[in-house]
């Protein structure tokens, strides 16, 4: 896959959870790498379609509001998903705090 990132990511191997905001679906993931503006995340191949969806991802001690901007095959079990961080707005922060727990 051709590299399109502007800021280099660093390895950050932790479990996480993606929430598709529109559908309120939770998907367990494995975070592979992170930068200040995005993440590379491993998602099981049978996960719901994520491309162009707005999500919230929680990974270890990080929470990011983001948009999924690419999905590519990683191996037989996982796809790698590229996400680009977005600024939190009042609606997204409200959603996040209403659904914690």
Protein backbone atom coordinates (compact mmCIF):
# COMPACT_ATOMS: atom_id res chain seq x y z
CA UNK A 1 0.00 0.00 0.00
CA UNK A 2 1.35 3.43 -0.92
CA UNK A 3 2.17 5.62 2.07
CA UNK A 4 -0.09 8.71 2.24
CA UNK A 5 0.44 9.89 5.81
CA UNK A 6 1.92 13.31 6.49
CA UNK A 7 3.11 12.52 10.03
CA UNK A 8 5.01 9.37 10.88
CA UNK A 9 3.18 6.94 13.10
CA UNK A 10 4.79 4.94 15.90
CA UNK A 11 4.02 1.38 16.98
CA UNK A 12 1.29 1.28 19.61
CA UNK A 13 0.11 -2.30 20.09
CA UNK A 14 -2.91 -2.21 22.41
CA UNK A 15 -6.46 -3.54 22.33
CA UNK A 16 -9.23 -1.07 21.65
CA UNK A 17 -12.88 -0.57 20.76
CA UNK A 18 -14.37 1.30 17.82
CA UNK A 19 -17.89 2.69 18.10
CA UNK A 20 -19.64 3.51 14.82
CA UNK A 21 -21.52 6.60 15.91
CA UNK A 22 -24.52 6.41 13.54
CA UNK A 23 -25.24 2.77 14.31
CA UNK A 24 -24.01 2.59 17.93
CA UNK A 25 -22.11 -0.61 17.04
CA UNK A 26 -19.07 -1.58 19.11
CA UNK A 27 -16.20 -3.43 17.40
CA UNK A 28 -13.18 -4.84 19.26
CA UNK A 29 -9.92 -3.95 17.49
CA UNK A 30 -6.14 -4.13 17.83
CA UNK A 31 -4.37 -0.80 17.46
CA UNK A 32 -1.17 -1.18 15.42
CA UNK A 33 0.23 2.36 15.29
CA UNK A 34 -0.62 5.94 16.20
CA UNK A 35 0.22 9.54 15.35
CA UNK A 36 -1.17 12.83 16.64
CA UNK A 37 -3.65 12.83 13.74
CA UNK A 38 -4.59 9.20 13.23
CA UNK A 39 -4.17 5.48 13.83
CA UNK A 40 -3.69 2.22 12.02
CA UNK A 41 -6.09 -0.36 13.44
CA UNK A 42 -6.52 -4.10 12.83
CA UNK A 43 -10.15 -5.15 12.44
CA UNK A 44 -11.49 -8.67 11.90
CA UNK A 45 -12.56 -9.25 8.30
CA UNK A 46 -16.15 -10.00 9.34
CA UNK A 47 -16.55 -6.57 11.01
CA UNK A 48 -19.18 -4.17 9.67
CA UNK A 49 -18.18 -1.81 6.83
CA UNK A 50 -16.16 1.10 8.23
CA UNK A 51 -14.95 3.09 5.22
CA UNK A 52 -16.00 6.76 5.41
CA UNK A 53 -17.75 6.27 8.77
CA UNK A 54 -17.34 8.61 11.72
CA UNK A 55 -16.18 6.69 14.78
CA UNK A 56 -14.98 7.03 18.31
CA UNK A 57 -12.04 4.80 19.20
CA UNK A 58 -10.90 4.01 22.72
CA UNK A 59 -7.44 2.48 22.96
CA UNK A 60 -5.72 2.07 26.31
CA UNK A 61 -5.57 5.65 27.65
CA UNK A 62 -6.57 7.39 24.40
CA UNK A 63 -9.93 8.47 23.01
CA UNK A 64 -10.17 9.76 19.44
CA UNK A 65 -13.04 11.00 17.31
CA UNK A 66 -12.14 10.09 13.73
CA UNK A 67 -13.17 9.23 10.20
CA UNK A 68 -12.18 5.94 8.56
CA UNK A 69 -10.39 6.95 5.38
CA UNK A 70 -8.98 3.63 4.15
CA UNK A 71 -9.39 -0.12 4.55
CA UNK A 72 -6.93 -2.67 3.14
CA UNK A 73 -6.27 -6.38 3.54
CA UNK A 74 -3.69 -7.12 6.24
CA UNK A 75 -3.68 -10.93 6.44
CA UNK A 76 -6.13 -13.84 6.32
CA UNK A 77 -7.87 -12.76 9.54
CA UNK A 78 -7.61 -8.95 9.65
CA UNK A 79 -7.99 -5.81 7.58
CA UNK A 80 -5.97 -2.73 8.44
CA UNK A 81 -8.03 0.41 8.83
CA UNK A 82 -6.62 3.92 8.56
CA UNK A 83 -8.37 6.56 10.63
CA UNK A 84 -7.91 10.31 10.61
CA UNK A 85 -8.66 12.24 13.77
CA UNK A 86 -11.34 14.93 13.87
CA UNK A 87 -11.96 17.71 16.37
CA UNK A 88 -14.62 16.88 18.94
CA UNK A 89 -17.80 18.92 18.61
CA UNK A 90 -20.50 19.41 21.25
CA UNK A 91 -22.73 16.68 19.79
CA UNK A 92 -19.98 14.07 19.75
CA UNK A 93 -18.82 14.94 23.25
CA UNK A 94 -22.43 14.71 24.46
CA UNK A 95 -22.78 11.27 22.82
CA UNK A 96 -19.53 10.11 24.42
CA UNK A 97 -20.50 11.16 27.93
CA UNK A 98 -24.06 9.82 27.65
CA UNK A 99 -22.79 6.38 26.66
CA UNK A 100 -19.87 5.93 29.07
CA UNK A 101 -20.35 2.95 31.28
